[in-house]
Amino acid sequence: AAFGGAAGTICYLLVQDAGFGPVVS
């Protein structure tokens, strides 16, 4: 579960920094 939370957080922040909104991220 901890690994899943860390992977999801990293992915969310990277996609958001790429210019996508919160829904897509």
PDB file of all heavy atoms in Angstrom:
ATOM      1  N   ALA A   1       0.830  -1.207   0.000  1.00  0.00           N
ATOM      2  CA  ALA A   1       0.000   0.000   0.000  1.00  0.00           C
ATOM      3  C   ALA A   1       0.864   1.256   0.000  1.00  0.00           C
ATOM      4  O   ALA A   1       0.577   2.225  -0.721  1.00  0.00           O
ATOM      5  CB  ALA A   1      -0.921  -0.010   1.214  1.00  0.00           C
ATOM      6  N   ALA A   2       1.935   1.265   0.797  1.00  0.00           N
ATOM      7  CA  ALA A   2       2.832   2.425   0.843  1.00  0.00           C
ATOM      8  C   ALA A   2       3.486   2.660  -0.516  1.00  0.00           C
ATOM      9  O   ALA A   2       3.604   3.804  -0.975  1.00  0.00           O
ATOM     10  CB  ALA A   2       3.893   2.224   1.915  1.00  0.00           C
ATOM     11  N   PHE A   3       3.903   1.588  -1.174  1.00  0.00           N
ATOM     12  CA  PHE A   3       4.499   1.730  -2.503  1.00  0.00           C
ATOM     13  C   PHE A   3       3.488   2.309  -3.487  1.00  0.00           C
ATOM     14  O   PHE A   3       3.820   3.166  -4.309  1.00  0.00           O
ATOM     15  CB  PHE A   3       5.010   0.377  -2.997  1.00  0.00           C
ATOM     16  CG  PHE A   3       5.622   0.429  -4.373  1.00  0.00           C
ATOM     17  CD1 PHE A   3       6.947   0.787  -4.537  1.00  0.00           C
ATOM     18  CD2 PHE A   3       4.864   0.110  -5.491  1.00  0.00           C
ATOM     19  CE1 PHE A   3       7.505   0.837  -5.804  1.00  0.00           C
ATOM     20  CE2 PHE A   3       5.413   0.155  -6.758  1.00  0.00           C
ATOM     21  CZ  PHE A   3       6.748   0.521  -6.913  1.00  0.00           C
ATOM     22  N   GLY A   4       2.247   1.831  -3.424  1.00  0.00           N
ATOM     23  CA  GLY A   4       1.213   2.367  -4.299  1.00  0.00           C
ATOM     24  C   GLY A   4       0.964   3.844  -4.059  1.00  0.00           C
ATOM     25  O   GLY A   4       0.806   4.624  -5.004  1.00  0.00           O
ATOM     26  N   GLY A   5       0.940   4.266  -2.778  1.00  0.00           N
ATOM     27  CA  GLY A   5       0.750   5.678  -2.473  1.00  0.00           C
ATOM     28  C   GLY A   5       1.890   6.536  -2.973  1.00  0.00           C
ATOM     29  O   GLY A   5       1.678   7.637  -3.513  1.00  0.00           O
ATOM     30  N   ALA A   6       3.130   6.062  -2.819  1.00  0.00           N
ATOM     31  CA  ALA A   6       4.290   6.813  -3.295  1.00  0.00           C
ATOM     32  C   ALA A   6       4.297   6.910  -4.819  1.00  0.00           C
ATOM     33  O   ALA A   6       4.541   7.983  -5.385  1.00  0.00           O
ATOM     34  CB  ALA A   6       5.572   6.149  -2.795  1.00  0.00           C
ATOM     35  N   ALA A   7       4.005   5.788  -5.498  1.00  0.00           N
ATOM     36  CA  ALA A   7       3.985   5.800  -6.959  1.00  0.00           C
ATOM     37  C   ALA A   7       2.899   6.723  -7.491  1.00  0.00           C
ATOM     38  O   ALA A   7       3.117   7.481  -8.449  1.00  0.00           O
ATOM     39  CB  ALA A   7       3.770   4.369  -7.480  1.00  0.00           C
ATOM     40  N   GLY A   8       1.727   6.689  -6.867  1.00  0.00           N
ATOM     41  CA  GLY A   8       0.654   7.564  -7.306  1.00  0.00           C
ATOM     42  C   GLY A   8       0.980   9.033  -7.094  1.00  0.00           C
ATOM     43  O   GLY A   8       0.676   9.881  -7.946  1.00  0.00           O
ATOM     44  N   THR A   9       1.594   9.373  -5.972  1.00  0.00           N
ATOM     45  CA  THR A   9       1.954  10.767  -5.689  1.00  0.00           C
ATOM     46  C   THR A   9       2.983  11.276  -6.689  1.00  0.00           C
ATOM     47  O   THR A   9       2.858  12.389  -7.225  1.00  0.00           O
ATOM     48  CB  THR A   9       2.507  10.889  -4.260  1.00  0.00           C
ATOM     49  OG1 THR A   9       1.523  10.415  -3.332  1.00  0.00           O
ATOM     50  CG2 THR A   9       2.849  12.336  -3.941  1.00  0.00           C
ATOM     51  N   ILE A  10       4.010  10.468  -6.967  1.00  0.00           N
ATOM     52  CA  ILE A  10       5.032  10.876  -7.939  1.00  0.00           C
ATOM     53  C   ILE A  10       4.403  11.088  -9.312  1.00  0.00           C
ATOM     54  O   ILE A  10       4.657  12.105  -9.989  1.00  0.00           O
ATOM     55  CB  ILE A  10       6.139   9.811  -8.013  1.00  0.00           C
ATOM     56  CG1 ILE A  10       6.926   9.745  -6.701  1.00  0.00           C
ATOM     57  CG2 ILE A  10       7.096  10.101  -9.172  1.00  0.00           C
ATOM     58  CD1 ILE A  10       7.926   8.607  -6.646  1.00  0.00           C
ATOM     59  N   CYS A  11       3.573  10.145  -9.718  1.00  0.00           N
ATOM     60  CA  CYS A  11       2.961  10.243 -11.035  1.00  0.00           C
ATOM     61  C   CYS A  11       2.059  11.474 -11.135  1.00  0.00           C
ATOM     62  O   CYS A  11       2.082  12.200 -12.132  1.00  0.00           O
ATOM     63  CB  CYS A  11       2.164   8.968 -11.319  1.00  0.00           C
ATOM     64  SG  CYS A  11       1.565   8.826 -13.013  1.00  0.00           S
ATOM     65  N   TYR A  12       1.286  11.739 -10.093  1.00  0.00           N
ATOM     66  CA  TYR A  12       0.398  12.896 -10.096  1.00  0.00           C
ATOM     67  C   TYR A  12       1.192  14.194 -10.240  1.00  0.00           C
ATOM     68  O   TYR A  12       0.856  15.059 -11.064  1.00  0.00           O
ATOM     69  CB  TYR A  12      -0.421  12.926  -8.803  1.00  0.00           C
ATOM     70  CG  TYR A  12      -1.357  14.114  -8.698  1.00  0.00           C
ATOM     71  CD1 TYR A  12      -2.670  14.013  -9.125  1.00  0.00           C
ATOM     72  CD2 TYR A  12      -0.915  15.334  -8.194  1.00  0.00           C
ATOM     73  CE1 TYR A  12      -3.530  15.100  -9.048  1.00  0.00           C
ATOM     74  CE2 TYR A  12      -1.768  16.430  -8.118  1.00  0.00           C
ATOM     75  CZ  TYR A  12      -3.069  16.312  -8.547  1.00  0.00           C
ATOM     76  OH  TYR A  12      -3.902  17.389  -8.473  1.00  0.00           O
ATOM     77  N   LEU A  13       2.239  14.350  -9.453  1.00  0.00           N
ATOM     78  CA  LEU A  13       3.017  15.585  -9.483  1.00  0.00           C
ATOM     79  C   LEU A  13       3.723  15.778 -10.817  1.00  0.00           C
ATOM     80  O   LEU A  13       3.784  16.900 -11.348  1.00  0.00           O
ATOM     81  CB  LEU A  13       4.035  15.584  -8.336  1.00  0.00           C
ATOM     82  CG  LEU A  13       3.443  15.586  -6.922  1.00  0.00           C
ATOM     83  CD1 LEU A  13       4.545  15.467  -5.880  1.00  0.00           C
ATOM     84  CD2 LEU A  13       2.603  16.829  -6.680  1.00  0.00           C
ATOM     85  N   LEU A  14       4.246  14.701 -11.392  1.00  0.00           N
ATOM     86  CA  LEU A  14       4.948  14.813 -12.670  1.00  0.00           C
ATOM     87  C   LEU A  14       3.985  15.169 -13.804  1.00  0.00           C
ATOM     88  O   LEU A  14       4.290  16.010 -14.651  1.00  0.00           O
ATOM     89  CB  LEU A  14       5.677  13.511 -12.982  1.00  0.00           C
ATOM     90  CG  LEU A  14       6.859  13.162 -12.065  1.00  0.00           C
ATOM     91  CD1 LEU A  14       7.473  11.828 -12.473  1.00  0.00           C
ATOM     92  CD2 LEU A  14       7.907  14.271 -12.086  1.00  0.00           C
ATOM     93  N   VAL A  15       2.826  14.532 -13.831  1.00  0.00           N
ATOM     94  CA  VAL A  15       1.843  14.823 -14.882  1.00  0.00           C
ATOM     95  C   VAL A  15       1.323  16.250 -14.736  1.00  0.00           C
ATOM     96  O   VAL A  15       1.133  16.959 -15.737  1.00  0.00           O
ATOM     97  CB  VAL A  15       0.695  13.799 -14.836  1.00  0.00           C
ATOM     98  CG1 VAL A  15      -0.409  14.178 -15.825  1.00  0.00           C
ATOM     99  CG2 VAL A  15       1.212  12.410 -15.146  1.00  0.00           C
ATOM    100  N   GLN A  16       1.100  16.682 -13.501  1.00  0.00           N
ATOM    101  CA  GLN A  16       0.631  18.051 -13.285  1.00  0.00           C
ATOM    102  C   GLN A  16       1.689  19.066 -13.719  1.00  0.00           C
ATOM    103  O   GLN A  16       1.362  20.095 -14.329  1.00  0.00           O
ATOM    104  CB  GLN A  16       0.281  18.259 -11.814  1.00  0.00           C
ATOM    105  CG  GLN A  16      -0.307  19.630 -11.514  1.00  0.00           C
ATOM    106  CD  GLN A  16      -0.808  19.740 -10.090  1.00  0.00           C
ATOM    107  OE1 GLN A  16      -2.003  19.671  -9.844  1.00  0.00           O
ATOM    108  NE2 GLN A  16       0.104  19.888  -9.157  1.00  0.00           N
ATOM    109  N   ASP A  17       2.952  18.788 -13.440  1.00  0.00           N
ATOM    110  CA  ASP A  17       4.019  19.689 -13.876  1.00  0.00           C
ATOM    111  C   ASP A  17       4.144  19.731 -15.390  1.00  0.00           C
ATOM    112  O   ASP A  17       4.660  20.710 -15.949  1.00  0.00           O
ATOM    113  CB  ASP A  17       5.353  19.258 -13.263  1.00  0.00           C
ATOM    114  CG  ASP A  17       5.534  19.784 -11.854  1.00  0.00           C
ATOM    115  OD1 ASP A  17       4.662  20.560 -11.408  1.00  0.00           O
ATOM    116  OD2 ASP A  17       6.516  19.421 -11.185  1.00  0.00           O
ATOM    117  N   ALA A  18       3.694  18.672 -16.060  1.00  0.00           N
ATOM    118  CA  ALA A  18       3.736  18.648 -17.519  1.00  0.00           C
ATOM    119  C   ALA A  18       2.658  19.526 -18.136  1.00  0.00           C
ATOM    120  O   ALA A  18       2.621  19.676 -19.368  1.00  0.00           O
ATOM    121  CB  ALA A  18       3.599  17.221 -18.021  1.00  0.00           C
ATOM    122  N   GLY A  19       1.781  20.099 -17.315  1.00  0.00           N
ATOM    123  CA  GLY A  19       0.782  21.032 -17.813  1.00  0.00           C
ATOM    124  C   GLY A  19      -0.638  20.520 -17.834  1.00  0.00           C
ATOM    125  O   GLY A  19      -1.539  21.212 -18.312  1.00  0.00           O
ATOM    126  N   PHE A  20      -0.871  19.322 -17.320  1.00  0.00           N
ATOM    127  CA  PHE A  20      -2.228  18.773 -17.292  1.00  0.00           C
ATOM    128  C   PHE A  20      -2.948  19.182 -16.015  1.00  0.00           C
ATOM    129  O   PHE A  20      -2.322  19.480 -14.997  1.00  0.00           O
ATOM    130  CB  PHE A  20      -2.189  17.252 -17.413  1.00  0.00           C
ATOM    131  CG  PHE A  20      -1.692  16.759 -18.743  1.00  0.00           C
ATOM    132  CD1 PHE A  20      -0.351  16.468 -18.925  1.00  0.00           C
ATOM    133  CD2 PHE A  20      -2.563  16.606 -19.808  1.00  0.00           C
ATOM    134  CE1 PHE A  20       0.116  16.021 -20.148  1.00  0.00           C
ATOM    135  CE2 PHE A  20      -2.104  16.157 -21.036  1.00  0.00           C
ATOM    136  CZ  PHE A  20      -0.761  15.871 -21.209  1.00  0.00           C
ATOM    137  N   GLY A  21      -4.272  19.170 -16.065  1.00  0.00           N
ATOM    138  CA  GLY A  21      -5.071  19.556 -14.917  1.00  0.00           C
ATOM    139  C   GLY A  21      -5.180  18.453 -13.889  1.00  0.00           C
ATOM    140  O   GLY A  21      -4.690  17.327 -14.089  1.00  0.00           O
ATOM    141  N   PRO A  22      -5.869  18.736 -12.780  1.00  0.00           N
ATOM    142  CA  PRO A  22      -5.966  17.747 -11.697  1.00  0.00           C
ATOM    143  C   PRO A  22      -6.746  16.494 -12.080  1.00  0.00           C
ATOM    144  O   PRO A  22      -6.459  15.415 -11.571  1.00  0.00           O
ATOM    145  CB  PRO A  22      -6.662  18.520 -10.575  1.00  0.00           C
ATOM    146  CG  PRO A  22      -7.361  19.656 -11.255  1.00  0.00           C
ATOM    147  CD  PRO A  22      -6.514  20.010 -12.429  1.00  0.00           C
ATOM    148  N   VAL A  23      -7.730  16.606 -12.966  1.00  0.00           N
ATOM    149  CA  VAL A  23      -8.519  15.428 -13.337  1.00  0.00           C
ATOM    150  C   VAL A  23      -7.664  14.446 -14.131  1.00  0.00           C
ATOM    151  O   VAL A  23      -7.611  13.249 -13.834  1.00  0.00           O
ATOM    152  CB  VAL A  23      -9.768  15.838 -14.137  1.00  0.00           C
ATOM    153  CG1 VAL A  23     -10.512  14.607 -14.631  1.00  0.00           C
ATOM    154  CG2 VAL A  23     -10.695  16.698 -13.273  1.00  0.00           C
ATOM    155  N   VAL A  24      -6.966  14.956 -15.149  1.00  0.00           N
ATOM    156  CA  VAL A  24      -6.101  14.085 -15.952  1.00  0.00           C
ATOM    157  C   VAL A  24      -4.965  13.533 -15.100  1.00  0.00           C
ATOM    158  O   VAL A  24      -4.628  12.338 -15.171  1.00  0.00           O
ATOM    159  CB  VAL A  24      -5.542  14.861 -17.162  1.00  0.00           C
ATOM    160  CG1 VAL A  24      -4.534  14.005 -17.923  1.00  0.00           C
ATOM    161  CG2 VAL A  24      -6.675  15.286 -18.087  1.00  0.00           C
ATOM    162  N   SER A  25      -4.371  14.395 -14.272  1.00  0.00           N
ATOM    163  CA  SER A  25      -3.273  13.945 -13.410  1.00  0.00           C
ATOM    164  C   SER A  25      -3.738  12.845 -12.463  1.00  0.00           C
ATOM    165  O   SER A  25      -3.027  11.848 -12.244  1.00  0.00           O
ATOM    166  CB  SER A  25      -2.719  15.129 -12.615  1.00  0.00           C
ATOM    167  OG  SER A  25      -2.238  16.139 -13.472  1.00  0.00           O
TER     168      SER A  25
END
